[in-house]
Each structure stands twice: as structure tokens, then as C-alpha cells.
Amino acid sequence: MDEKTLMTQVENRMKKVIEAYKKDLASMRAGRATPALLERVMVDYYGVPTPINQVASIGVAPPRTLVIQPWDKNLMGNIEKAIQKSDLGAMPVSDGTVIRVTIPPLSGDRRQELIKSLKKDAEAQKVHIRNIRRSAIDEIRQAEKDKEISEDQSRRMQEKVQKLTDEYIKIVDEMTSAKEAEVMEV
């Protein structure tokens, strides 16, 4: 068992968890408008569900308005329907060339719901990271059992895996705190 290879694999898997969480946080609605809010919204593009950002350009008109300009004008109605069906809680308004979506301010109850959901998501990410740690440590223990590595090497590698785990859990906590502050911002 090669220590460097194992540590690289563990770190890469943990990085993927962080990247996925970053995407989830970007698409979570806070008080301000951002094109990432529409990433999960799918439009019926001639019978094929397609992300809005693949059929239109999305811009932001400060402070809380998204401006969507479809490349194919025939999609205006489909885009409006998709936004209405989404969980954004905003109504699209079309002027024939662009669609404007004003993001309403969050109510206190909605903020609390978002924070509850955010904490649940953060815990799920931590569980993913801990599962990566567990499988790596199982692998290390098996290598020790099979006499591929010594007891000292095993202990050292387990400590490194734990250190990586702690680092990535701290990153999840920091990202969650930042998003929580953004959601609570009035």
C-alpha cells in the first residue's frame, strides 16, 4: 500500500464533496439575486428538460432582479412556466424579449426554514467526509493485517487521514456559517 497514493485519493474524494456542496449552496436562495438560483430549474426545450442557463443568458439587475434573455424567443412561455413551478417563490414577468424575475425578500420564517435545511445539508456533507475517512482507515487496517505495512505506518497514516477529515469538516462548517450569515442578512 502506497501512503501517498492513498492520501491523494482520500483528499480528492473529500474535495469532490466540497465542490458539490459549493454548488448546492450557490443555488440556495438567500436574500439577493444570483444566476446560480436558476441552475436547478429545467425548461422544456422541444421535449427535452434542459437547464435554463443552456437556453438563455442570465444576468442580474441589482439588487434583487434576474434578467433572462432566451436565445430562442419561442421558449419564453416554457421558461416562465419552469420558473413558476420552481421553489424560488418568485413570479416571472415577460416583456416579449426578456424575462425579469424579482426575488422577494425572505420572511423571518422562511429564513429559519432555510437555515434548518442548510444545517441538515451541512451534516450530510460531514457524513460523506466521515464515510471517506472510515473507508480509508478500513483500507489501512486491512493492509496492516495483511502485513503490507507496519503498525507504526498504520498509525501514522490513520492520523493523517483524521487530520484531513478535520480540515474538510472545518471547511464545511466555514461554508455553512458564511451562507447562514448571507441568509440572515436583511
N, C-alpha and C. Protein backbone atom coordinates (compact mmCIF):
# COMPACT_ATOMS: atom_id res chain seq x y z
N MET A 1 0.85 -1.19 0.00
CA MET A 1 0.00 0.00 0.00
C MET A 1 0.89 1.25 0.00
N ASP A 2 0.60 2.14 -0.94
CA ASP A 2 1.39 3.37 -1.04
C ASP A 2 0.66 4.49 -0.30
N GLU A 3 1.35 5.03 0.69
CA GLU A 3 0.76 6.07 1.54
C GLU A 3 0.36 7.30 0.74
N LYS A 4 1.24 7.74 -0.13
CA LYS A 4 1.00 8.96 -0.91
C LYS A 4 -0.24 8.79 -1.81
N THR A 5 -0.35 7.65 -2.46
CA THR A 5 -1.49 7.38 -3.34
C THR A 5 -2.79 7.39 -2.55
N LEU A 6 -2.78 6.71 -1.41
CA LEU A 6 -3.98 6.66 -0.58
C LEU A 6 -4.40 8.06 -0.13
N MET A 7 -3.45 8.85 0.35
CA MET A 7 -3.76 10.20 0.83
C MET A 7 -4.30 11.08 -0.30
N THR A 8 -3.74 10.92 -1.50
CA THR A 8 -4.22 11.69 -2.66
C THR A 8 -5.65 11.30 -2.99
N GLN A 9 -5.93 9.99 -2.97
CA GLN A 9 -7.29 9.52 -3.26
C GLN A 9 -8.28 10.06 -2.23
N VAL A 10 -7.92 9.98 -0.97
CA VAL A 10 -8.80 10.45 0.11
C VAL A 10 -9.07 11.94 -0.06
N GLU A 11 -8.01 12.70 -0.30
CA GLU A 11 -8.18 14.16 -0.44
C GLU A 11 -9.02 14.50 -1.67
N ASN A 12 -8.82 13.80 -2.78
CA ASN A 12 -9.61 14.07 -3.98
C ASN A 12 -11.09 13.79 -3.75
N ARG A 13 -11.38 12.71 -3.04
CA ARG A 13 -12.78 12.38 -2.75
C ARG A 13 -13.40 13.45 -1.85
N MET A 14 -12.64 13.93 -0.88
CA MET A 14 -13.15 14.97 0.02
C MET A 14 -13.34 16.29 -0.73
N LYS A 15 -12.45 16.59 -1.67
CA LYS A 15 -12.59 17.80 -2.48
C LYS A 15 -13.87 17.75 -3.31
N LYS A 16 -14.20 16.57 -3.82
CA LYS A 16 -15.44 16.43 -4.61
C LYS A 16 -16.67 16.72 -3.76
N VAL A 17 -16.64 16.30 -2.51
CA VAL A 17 -17.75 16.58 -1.59
C VAL A 17 -17.89 18.09 -1.42
N ILE A 18 -16.76 18.78 -1.23
CA ILE A 18 -16.77 20.23 -1.03
C ILE A 18 -17.29 20.94 -2.29
N GLU A 19 -16.84 20.50 -3.47
CA GLU A 19 -17.30 21.12 -4.72
C GLU A 19 -18.81 20.95 -4.90
N ALA A 20 -19.32 19.77 -4.61
CA ALA A 20 -20.76 19.53 -4.72
C ALA A 20 -21.53 20.41 -3.73
N TYR A 21 -20.99 20.55 -2.54
CA TYR A 21 -21.64 21.38 -1.51
C TYR A 21 -21.63 22.85 -1.94
N LYS A 22 -20.52 23.27 -2.53
CA LYS A 22 -20.42 24.64 -3.03
C LYS A 22 -21.53 24.94 -4.04
N LYS A 23 -21.76 24.00 -4.95
CA LYS A 23 -22.82 24.15 -5.95
C LYS A 23 -24.19 24.22 -5.29
N ASP A 24 -24.40 23.35 -4.31
CA ASP A 24 -25.69 23.36 -3.59
C ASP A 24 -25.91 24.70 -2.90
N LEU A 25 -24.88 25.21 -2.26
CA LEU A 25 -25.01 26.49 -1.55
C LEU A 25 -25.29 27.63 -2.53
N ALA A 26 -24.64 27.60 -3.68
CA ALA A 26 -24.83 28.67 -4.66
C ALA A 26 -26.27 28.70 -5.17
N SER A 27 -26.89 27.54 -5.28
CA SER A 27 -28.25 27.51 -5.80
C SER A 27 -29.30 27.69 -4.70
N MET A 28 -28.85 27.79 -3.46
CA MET A 28 -29.80 28.03 -2.36
C MET A 28 -30.11 29.52 -2.30
N ARG A 29 -31.38 29.82 -2.23
CA ARG A 29 -31.81 31.20 -2.26
C ARG A 29 -31.53 31.91 -0.94
N ALA A 30 -30.84 33.02 -1.03
CA ALA A 30 -30.66 33.89 0.13
C ALA A 30 -31.43 35.17 -0.23
N GLY A 31 -31.08 36.28 0.32
CA GLY A 31 -31.82 37.50 0.06
C GLY A 31 -31.54 38.15 -1.28
N ARG A 32 -30.45 37.80 -1.93
CA ARG A 32 -30.08 38.51 -3.15
C ARG A 32 -30.21 37.63 -4.40
N ALA A 33 -30.24 38.30 -5.54
CA ALA A 33 -30.38 37.60 -6.81
C ALA A 33 -29.01 37.15 -7.31
N THR A 34 -28.95 35.91 -7.78
CA THR A 34 -27.73 35.39 -8.39
C THR A 34 -28.14 34.36 -9.45
N PRO A 35 -27.45 34.33 -10.59
CA PRO A 35 -27.82 33.38 -11.65
C PRO A 35 -27.82 31.93 -11.18
N ALA A 36 -27.04 31.62 -10.17
CA ALA A 36 -26.97 30.24 -9.66
C ALA A 36 -28.32 29.77 -9.10
N LEU A 37 -29.20 30.71 -8.75
CA LEU A 37 -30.53 30.33 -8.25
C LEU A 37 -31.31 29.53 -9.28
N LEU A 38 -31.02 29.76 -10.56
CA LEU A 38 -31.77 29.11 -11.62
C LEU A 38 -31.10 27.83 -12.14
N GLU A 39 -29.96 27.44 -11.56
CA GLU A 39 -29.22 26.27 -12.06
C GLU A 39 -30.05 25.00 -12.08
N ARG A 40 -30.91 24.82 -11.09
CA ARG A 40 -31.69 23.58 -11.00
C ARG A 40 -33.00 23.65 -11.76
N VAL A 41 -33.35 24.83 -12.28
CA VAL A 41 -34.62 24.97 -12.99
C VAL A 41 -34.47 24.43 -14.41
N MET A 42 -35.34 23.47 -14.74
CA MET A 42 -35.29 22.83 -16.05
C MET A 42 -36.42 23.35 -16.94
N VAL A 43 -36.07 23.65 -18.18
CA VAL A 43 -37.03 24.16 -19.16
C VAL A 43 -37.32 23.06 -20.17
N ASP A 44 -38.56 22.97 -20.61
CA ASP A 44 -38.93 22.02 -21.66
C ASP A 44 -38.44 22.60 -22.98
N TYR A 45 -37.34 22.07 -23.49
CA TYR A 45 -36.75 22.55 -24.74
C TYR A 45 -37.05 21.52 -25.82
N TYR A 46 -38.15 21.72 -26.52
CA TYR A 46 -38.62 20.81 -27.56
C TYR A 46 -38.67 19.36 -27.05
N GLY A 47 -39.27 19.20 -25.86
CA GLY A 47 -39.47 17.86 -25.30
C GLY A 47 -38.34 17.35 -24.43
N VAL A 48 -37.24 18.11 -24.32
CA VAL A 48 -36.10 17.67 -23.52
C VAL A 48 -35.90 18.64 -22.35
N PRO A 49 -35.94 18.12 -21.09
CA PRO A 49 -35.68 19.00 -19.94
C PRO A 49 -34.24 19.52 -20.00
N THR A 50 -34.09 20.83 -20.04
CA THR A 50 -32.78 21.45 -20.21
C THR A 50 -32.61 22.57 -19.18
N PRO A 51 -31.42 22.71 -18.56
CA PRO A 51 -31.19 23.81 -17.63
C PRO A 51 -31.36 25.17 -18.33
N ILE A 52 -31.93 26.13 -17.62
CA ILE A 52 -32.16 27.46 -18.20
C ILE A 52 -30.88 28.07 -18.76
N ASN A 53 -29.77 27.90 -18.04
CA ASN A 53 -28.53 28.54 -18.50
C ASN A 53 -28.01 27.98 -19.82
N GLN A 54 -28.63 26.90 -20.33
CA GLN A 54 -28.24 26.36 -21.63
C GLN A 54 -29.13 26.85 -22.77
N VAL A 55 -30.20 27.58 -22.41
CA VAL A 55 -31.10 28.08 -23.45
C VAL A 55 -31.26 29.60 -23.39
N ALA A 56 -30.60 30.25 -22.43
CA ALA A 56 -30.75 31.69 -22.27
C ALA A 56 -29.56 32.26 -21.52
N SER A 57 -29.36 33.56 -21.69
CA SER A 57 -28.34 34.22 -20.87
C SER A 57 -29.05 34.78 -19.64
N ILE A 58 -28.35 34.71 -18.51
CA ILE A 58 -28.94 35.15 -17.25
C ILE A 58 -28.06 36.24 -16.67
N GLY A 59 -28.67 37.37 -16.36
CA GLY A 59 -27.94 38.48 -15.77
C GLY A 59 -28.62 38.92 -14.49
N VAL A 60 -27.97 39.82 -13.77
CA VAL A 60 -28.52 40.33 -12.53
C VAL A 60 -28.64 41.84 -12.62
N ALA A 61 -29.84 42.35 -12.31
CA ALA A 61 -30.05 43.79 -12.20
C ALA A 61 -30.21 44.06 -10.71
N PRO A 62 -29.22 44.72 -10.12
CA PRO A 62 -29.23 44.91 -8.67
C PRO A 62 -30.51 45.57 -8.20
N PRO A 63 -30.94 45.29 -7.00
CA PRO A 63 -30.37 44.36 -6.05
C PRO A 63 -30.98 42.97 -6.13
N ARG A 64 -32.26 42.86 -6.61
CA ARG A 64 -32.92 41.56 -6.48
C ARG A 64 -33.60 41.09 -7.75
N THR A 65 -33.11 41.46 -8.91
CA THR A 65 -33.79 41.06 -10.14
C THR A 65 -32.87 40.25 -11.04
N LEU A 66 -33.39 39.12 -11.51
CA LEU A 66 -32.68 38.31 -12.50
C LEU A 66 -33.27 38.66 -13.86
N VAL A 67 -32.40 38.83 -14.85
CA VAL A 67 -32.85 39.13 -16.21
C VAL A 67 -32.46 37.95 -17.10
N ILE A 68 -33.47 37.32 -17.69
CA ILE A 68 -33.25 36.13 -18.52
C ILE A 68 -33.57 36.48 -19.96
N GLN A 69 -32.60 36.27 -20.83
CA GLN A 69 -32.81 36.56 -22.25
C GLN A 69 -32.65 35.26 -23.03
N PRO A 70 -33.78 34.65 -23.45
CA PRO A 70 -33.70 33.39 -24.19
C PRO A 70 -33.08 33.59 -25.56
N TRP A 71 -32.32 32.60 -26.00
CA TRP A 71 -31.73 32.67 -27.33
C TRP A 71 -32.77 32.34 -28.40
N ASP A 72 -33.76 31.56 -28.02
CA ASP A 72 -34.86 31.21 -28.92
C ASP A 72 -36.13 31.82 -28.32
N LYS A 73 -36.69 32.83 -28.98
CA LYS A 73 -37.85 33.56 -28.45
C LYS A 73 -39.06 32.64 -28.24
N ASN A 74 -39.11 31.49 -28.94
CA ASN A 74 -40.22 30.56 -28.78
C ASN A 74 -40.23 29.91 -27.39
N LEU A 75 -39.14 30.05 -26.65
CA LEU A 75 -39.04 29.43 -25.33
C LEU A 75 -39.54 30.31 -24.19
N MET A 76 -39.94 31.53 -24.49
CA MET A 76 -40.35 32.47 -23.44
C MET A 76 -41.38 31.84 -22.49
N GLY A 77 -42.45 31.29 -23.06
CA GLY A 77 -43.51 30.69 -22.25
C GLY A 77 -43.01 29.52 -21.42
N ASN A 78 -42.18 28.66 -22.03
CA ASN A 78 -41.65 27.50 -21.31
C ASN A 78 -40.76 27.92 -20.14
N ILE A 79 -39.96 28.96 -20.35
CA ILE A 79 -39.08 29.44 -19.29
C ILE A 79 -39.92 30.01 -18.14
N GLU A 80 -40.94 30.79 -18.50
CA GLU A 80 -41.82 31.35 -17.46
C GLU A 80 -42.48 30.24 -16.65
N LYS A 81 -42.99 29.23 -17.32
CA LYS A 81 -43.64 28.10 -16.63
C LYS A 81 -42.66 27.39 -15.70
N ALA A 82 -41.44 27.16 -16.19
CA ALA A 82 -40.44 26.45 -15.39
C ALA A 82 -40.10 27.24 -14.13
N ILE A 83 -40.01 28.55 -14.24
CA ILE A 83 -39.69 29.39 -13.08
C ILE A 83 -40.86 29.37 -12.09
N GLN A 84 -42.08 29.43 -12.63
CA GLN A 84 -43.26 29.40 -11.76
C GLN A 84 -43.35 28.09 -10.98
N LYS A 85 -42.99 26.98 -11.62
CA LYS A 85 -43.05 25.65 -10.98
C LYS A 85 -41.91 25.46 -9.97
N SER A 86 -40.82 26.21 -10.12
CA SER A 86 -39.66 26.03 -9.24
C SER A 86 -39.99 26.48 -7.82
N ASP A 87 -39.07 26.19 -6.89
CA ASP A 87 -39.28 26.57 -5.49
C ASP A 87 -38.70 27.95 -5.17
N LEU A 88 -38.51 28.78 -6.19
CA LEU A 88 -37.95 30.12 -5.99
C LEU A 88 -38.90 31.04 -5.23
N GLY A 89 -40.19 30.85 -5.44
CA GLY A 89 -41.16 31.73 -4.79
C GLY A 89 -41.19 33.10 -5.44
N ALA A 90 -40.90 33.16 -6.75
CA ALA A 90 -40.90 34.44 -7.46
C ALA A 90 -41.69 34.29 -8.76
N MET A 91 -42.31 35.37 -9.18
CA MET A 91 -43.10 35.35 -10.42
C MET A 91 -42.31 36.02 -11.55
N PRO A 92 -42.18 35.33 -12.68
CA PRO A 92 -41.50 35.91 -13.82
C PRO A 92 -42.42 36.90 -14.56
N VAL A 93 -41.83 37.97 -15.07
CA VAL A 93 -42.56 38.97 -15.85
C VAL A 93 -41.85 39.12 -17.19
N SER A 94 -42.61 38.94 -18.27
CA SER A 94 -42.01 38.99 -19.61
C SER A 94 -42.45 40.25 -20.34
N ASP A 95 -41.51 40.85 -21.09
CA ASP A 95 -41.87 42.00 -21.93
C ASP A 95 -41.74 41.64 -23.41
N GLY A 96 -41.65 40.34 -23.70
CA GLY A 96 -41.55 39.89 -25.08
C GLY A 96 -40.13 39.59 -25.53
N THR A 97 -39.14 40.24 -24.92
CA THR A 97 -37.74 39.98 -25.29
C THR A 97 -36.94 39.42 -24.13
N VAL A 98 -37.25 39.89 -22.92
CA VAL A 98 -36.56 39.37 -21.73
C VAL A 98 -37.58 39.03 -20.66
N ILE A 99 -37.15 38.16 -19.75
CA ILE A 99 -37.98 37.79 -18.60
C ILE A 99 -37.27 38.33 -17.37
N ARG A 100 -38.02 39.06 -16.56
CA ARG A 100 -37.47 39.58 -15.31
C ARG A 100 -38.08 38.82 -14.15
N VAL A 101 -37.21 38.43 -13.23
CA VAL A 101 -37.67 37.71 -12.03
C VAL A 101 -37.16 38.49 -10.83
N THR A 102 -38.09 39.11 -10.11
CA THR A 102 -37.70 39.85 -8.91
C THR A 102 -37.77 38.88 -7.74
N ILE A 103 -36.66 38.75 -7.07
CA ILE A 103 -36.56 37.84 -5.92
C ILE A 103 -37.10 38.59 -4.70
N PRO A 104 -38.22 38.12 -4.13
CA PRO A 104 -38.78 38.81 -2.98
C PRO A 104 -37.89 38.63 -1.74
N PRO A 105 -37.94 39.60 -0.84
CA PRO A 105 -37.16 39.44 0.39
C PRO A 105 -37.70 38.25 1.19
N LEU A 106 -36.82 37.61 1.93
CA LEU A 106 -37.22 36.44 2.71
C LEU A 106 -37.94 36.85 3.99
N SER A 107 -38.96 36.10 4.33
CA SER A 107 -39.64 36.34 5.61
C SER A 107 -38.79 35.71 6.72
N GLY A 108 -39.07 36.09 7.95
CA GLY A 108 -38.33 35.53 9.08
C GLY A 108 -38.49 34.02 9.17
N ASP A 109 -39.73 33.54 8.94
CA ASP A 109 -39.98 32.10 8.98
C ASP A 109 -39.20 31.37 7.89
N ARG A 110 -39.21 31.96 6.69
CA ARG A 110 -38.52 31.33 5.55
C ARG A 110 -37.00 31.28 5.82
N ARG A 111 -36.48 32.34 6.43
CA ARG A 111 -35.05 32.34 6.79
C ARG A 111 -34.73 31.19 7.73
N GLN A 112 -35.60 30.98 8.74
CA GLN A 112 -35.39 29.91 9.71
C GLN A 112 -35.45 28.54 9.03
N GLU A 113 -36.40 28.39 8.09
CA GLU A 113 -36.50 27.13 7.33
C GLU A 113 -35.23 26.87 6.53
N LEU A 114 -34.74 27.94 5.88
CA LEU A 114 -33.52 27.81 5.07
C LEU A 114 -32.33 27.42 5.94
N ILE A 115 -32.22 28.03 7.11
CA ILE A 115 -31.10 27.73 7.99
C ILE A 115 -31.20 26.28 8.49
N LYS A 116 -32.41 25.84 8.79
CA LYS A 116 -32.61 24.46 9.23
C LYS A 116 -32.18 23.50 8.11
N SER A 117 -32.60 23.80 6.89
CA SER A 117 -32.24 22.99 5.73
C SER A 117 -30.73 23.03 5.49
N LEU A 118 -30.15 24.21 5.67
CA LEU A 118 -28.71 24.40 5.48
C LEU A 118 -27.93 23.52 6.47
N LYS A 119 -28.35 23.51 7.71
CA LYS A 119 -27.65 22.71 8.73
C LYS A 119 -27.79 21.23 8.44
N LYS A 120 -28.96 20.83 7.94
CA LYS A 120 -29.19 19.43 7.59
C LYS A 120 -28.25 19.03 6.43
N ASP A 121 -28.14 19.91 5.42
CA ASP A 121 -27.24 19.66 4.29
C ASP A 121 -25.79 19.59 4.76
N ALA A 122 -25.41 20.50 5.65
CA ALA A 122 -24.03 20.52 6.15
C ALA A 122 -23.71 19.20 6.86
N GLU A 123 -24.66 18.73 7.65
CA GLU A 123 -24.43 17.47 8.38
C GLU A 123 -24.28 16.32 7.39
N ALA A 124 -25.07 16.34 6.32
CA ALA A 124 -24.97 15.29 5.30
C ALA A 124 -23.58 15.31 4.65
N GLN A 125 -23.04 16.50 4.41
CA GLN A 125 -21.71 16.61 3.81
C GLN A 125 -20.65 16.07 4.77
N LYS A 126 -20.81 16.37 6.05
CA LYS A 126 -19.86 15.87 7.06
C LYS A 126 -19.91 14.34 7.11
N VAL A 127 -21.11 13.78 6.98
CA VAL A 127 -21.25 12.33 6.98
C VAL A 127 -20.51 11.73 5.78
N HIS A 128 -20.64 12.39 4.61
CA HIS A 128 -19.90 11.92 3.42
C HIS A 128 -18.40 11.90 3.71
N ILE A 129 -17.92 12.98 4.29
CA ILE A 129 -16.48 13.08 4.59
C ILE A 129 -16.07 12.00 5.59
N ARG A 130 -16.88 11.79 6.61
CA ARG A 130 -16.56 10.75 7.60
C ARG A 130 -16.59 9.35 6.99
N ASN A 131 -17.48 9.15 6.04
CA ASN A 131 -17.53 7.85 5.36
C ASN A 131 -16.26 7.62 4.55
N ILE A 132 -15.75 8.67 3.93
CA ILE A 132 -14.49 8.57 3.19
C ILE A 132 -13.37 8.21 4.17
N ARG A 133 -13.37 8.87 5.34
CA ARG A 133 -12.37 8.57 6.36
C ARG A 133 -12.47 7.11 6.80
N ARG A 134 -13.69 6.67 7.06
CA ARG A 134 -13.88 5.29 7.53
C ARG A 134 -13.36 4.27 6.51
N SER A 135 -13.68 4.48 5.24
CA SER A 135 -13.22 3.51 4.24
C SER A 135 -11.70 3.54 4.10
N ALA A 136 -11.09 4.72 4.22
CA ALA A 136 -9.62 4.82 4.15
C ALA A 136 -8.98 4.11 5.34
N ILE A 137 -9.53 4.32 6.52
CA ILE A 137 -8.97 3.69 7.71
C ILE A 137 -9.16 2.17 7.65
N ASP A 138 -10.30 1.72 7.13
CA ASP A 138 -10.50 0.28 6.96
C ASP A 138 -9.45 -0.30 6.02
N GLU A 139 -9.17 0.44 4.96
CA GLU A 139 -8.15 0.00 3.99
C GLU A 139 -6.77 -0.09 4.66
N ILE A 140 -6.46 0.92 5.47
CA ILE A 140 -5.17 0.95 6.18
C ILE A 140 -5.07 -0.24 7.15
N ARG A 141 -6.13 -0.46 7.89
CA ARG A 141 -6.13 -1.56 8.87
C ARG A 141 -6.00 -2.91 8.18
N GLN A 142 -6.64 -3.04 7.03
CA GLN A 142 -6.54 -4.29 6.27
C GLN A 142 -5.11 -4.51 5.78
N ALA A 143 -4.47 -3.42 5.33
CA ALA A 143 -3.08 -3.52 4.86
C ALA A 143 -2.16 -3.92 6.03
N GLU A 144 -2.45 -3.37 7.21
CA GLU A 144 -1.65 -3.74 8.39
C GLU A 144 -1.87 -5.21 8.74
N LYS A 145 -3.11 -5.63 8.68
CA LYS A 145 -3.47 -7.02 8.98
C LYS A 145 -2.79 -7.99 7.99
N ASP A 146 -2.71 -7.56 6.72
CA ASP A 146 -2.08 -8.38 5.68
C ASP A 146 -0.56 -8.24 5.68
N LYS A 147 -0.04 -7.51 6.67
CA LYS A 147 1.41 -7.30 6.83
C LYS A 147 2.04 -6.53 5.67
N GLU A 148 1.24 -5.72 4.97
CA GLU A 148 1.78 -4.88 3.89
C GLU A 148 2.47 -3.65 4.48
N ILE A 149 1.97 -3.19 5.64
CA ILE A 149 2.57 -2.04 6.31
C ILE A 149 2.73 -2.37 7.79
N SER A 150 3.63 -1.64 8.45
CA SER A 150 3.88 -1.88 9.88
C SER A 150 2.80 -1.18 10.72
N GLU A 151 2.79 -1.49 11.99
CA GLU A 151 1.85 -0.89 12.93
C GLU A 151 2.09 0.62 13.02
N ASP A 152 3.34 1.03 13.04
CA ASP A 152 3.68 2.46 13.10
C ASP A 152 3.19 3.19 11.85
N GLN A 153 3.43 2.58 10.69
CA GLN A 153 2.96 3.20 9.44
C GLN A 153 1.44 3.33 9.46
N SER A 154 0.79 2.29 9.93
CA SER A 154 -0.67 2.28 10.00
C SER A 154 -1.16 3.43 10.88
N ARG A 155 -0.58 3.57 12.05
CA ARG A 155 -0.98 4.63 12.98
C ARG A 155 -0.74 6.00 12.37
N ARG A 156 0.41 6.18 11.73
CA ARG A 156 0.75 7.47 11.12
C ARG A 156 -0.24 7.81 9.99
N MET A 157 -0.56 6.81 9.16
CA MET A 157 -1.48 7.04 8.05
C MET A 157 -2.89 7.36 8.57
N GLN A 158 -3.31 6.66 9.62
CA GLN A 158 -4.63 6.92 10.20
C GLN A 158 -4.70 8.35 10.76
N GLU A 159 -3.60 8.78 11.38
CA GLU A 159 -3.56 10.15 11.91
C GLU A 159 -3.66 11.17 10.78
N LYS A 160 -2.98 10.90 9.66
CA LYS A 160 -3.04 11.82 8.51
C LYS A 160 -4.46 11.88 7.93
N VAL A 161 -5.10 10.71 7.85
CA VAL A 161 -6.48 10.67 7.33
C VAL A 161 -7.39 11.47 8.27
N GLN A 162 -7.19 11.32 9.58
CA GLN A 162 -8.01 12.04 10.55
C GLN A 162 -7.78 13.55 10.43
N LYS A 163 -6.52 13.94 10.22
CA LYS A 163 -6.19 15.36 10.08
C LYS A 163 -6.90 15.94 8.84
N LEU A 164 -6.86 15.20 7.73
CA LEU A 164 -7.56 15.63 6.51
C LEU A 164 -9.06 15.75 6.76
N THR A 165 -9.61 14.78 7.45
CA THR A 165 -11.03 14.78 7.77
C THR A 165 -11.39 16.04 8.56
N ASP A 166 -10.59 16.33 9.58
CA ASP A 166 -10.84 17.52 10.40
C ASP A 166 -10.78 18.79 9.56
N GLU A 167 -9.81 18.87 8.64
CA GLU A 167 -9.68 20.05 7.77
C GLU A 167 -10.93 20.25 6.92
N TYR A 168 -11.38 19.16 6.30
CA TYR A 168 -12.52 19.28 5.38
C TYR A 168 -13.84 19.51 6.13
N ILE A 169 -13.97 18.98 7.32
CA ILE A 169 -15.16 19.26 8.12
C ILE A 169 -15.16 20.73 8.52
N LYS A 170 -13.98 21.26 8.81
CA LYS A 170 -13.87 22.68 9.16
C LYS A 170 -14.28 23.55 7.95
N ILE A 171 -13.89 23.13 6.75
CA ILE A 171 -14.27 23.86 5.53
C ILE A 171 -15.79 23.86 5.38
N VAL A 172 -16.42 22.72 5.60
CA VAL A 172 -17.89 22.64 5.52
C VAL A 172 -18.52 23.59 6.53
N ASP A 173 -17.99 23.60 7.76
CA ASP A 173 -18.52 24.50 8.80
C ASP A 173 -18.38 25.96 8.40
N GLU A 174 -17.22 26.32 7.83
CA GLU A 174 -17.00 27.71 7.42
C GLU A 174 -17.95 28.11 6.30
N MET A 175 -18.13 27.21 5.31
CA MET A 175 -19.02 27.49 4.20
C MET A 175 -20.46 27.65 4.70
N THR A 176 -20.85 26.80 5.64
CA THR A 176 -22.19 26.84 6.20
C THR A 176 -22.41 28.15 6.96
N SER A 177 -21.44 28.55 7.75
CA SER A 177 -21.56 29.80 8.52
C SER A 177 -21.69 31.00 7.60
N ALA A 178 -20.91 31.00 6.52
CA ALA A 178 -20.97 32.12 5.57
C ALA A 178 -22.35 32.19 4.91
N LYS A 179 -22.88 31.04 4.52
CA LYS A 179 -24.20 31.01 3.88
C LYS A 179 -25.28 31.40 4.89
N GLU A 180 -25.13 30.97 6.13
CA GLU A 180 -26.09 31.32 7.17
C GLU A 180 -26.13 32.83 7.37
N ALA A 181 -24.95 33.46 7.38
CA ALA A 181 -24.89 34.92 7.52
C ALA A 181 -25.57 35.59 6.33
N GLU A 182 -25.36 35.05 5.14
CA GLU A 182 -25.97 35.60 3.93
C GLU A 182 -27.50 35.48 3.99
N VAL A 183 -28.00 34.36 4.49
CA VAL A 183 -29.45 34.14 4.59
C VAL A 183 -30.05 35.09 5.62
N MET A 184 -29.36 35.33 6.72
CA MET A 184 -29.88 36.20 7.77
C MET A 184 -29.76 37.68 7.44
N GLU A 185 -28.95 38.01 6.45
CA GLU A 185 -28.76 39.40 6.04
C GLU A 185 -30.09 39.96 5.53
N VAL A 186 -30.45 41.14 6.01
CA VAL A 186 -31.74 41.73 5.60
C VAL A 186 -31.53 42.74 4.50
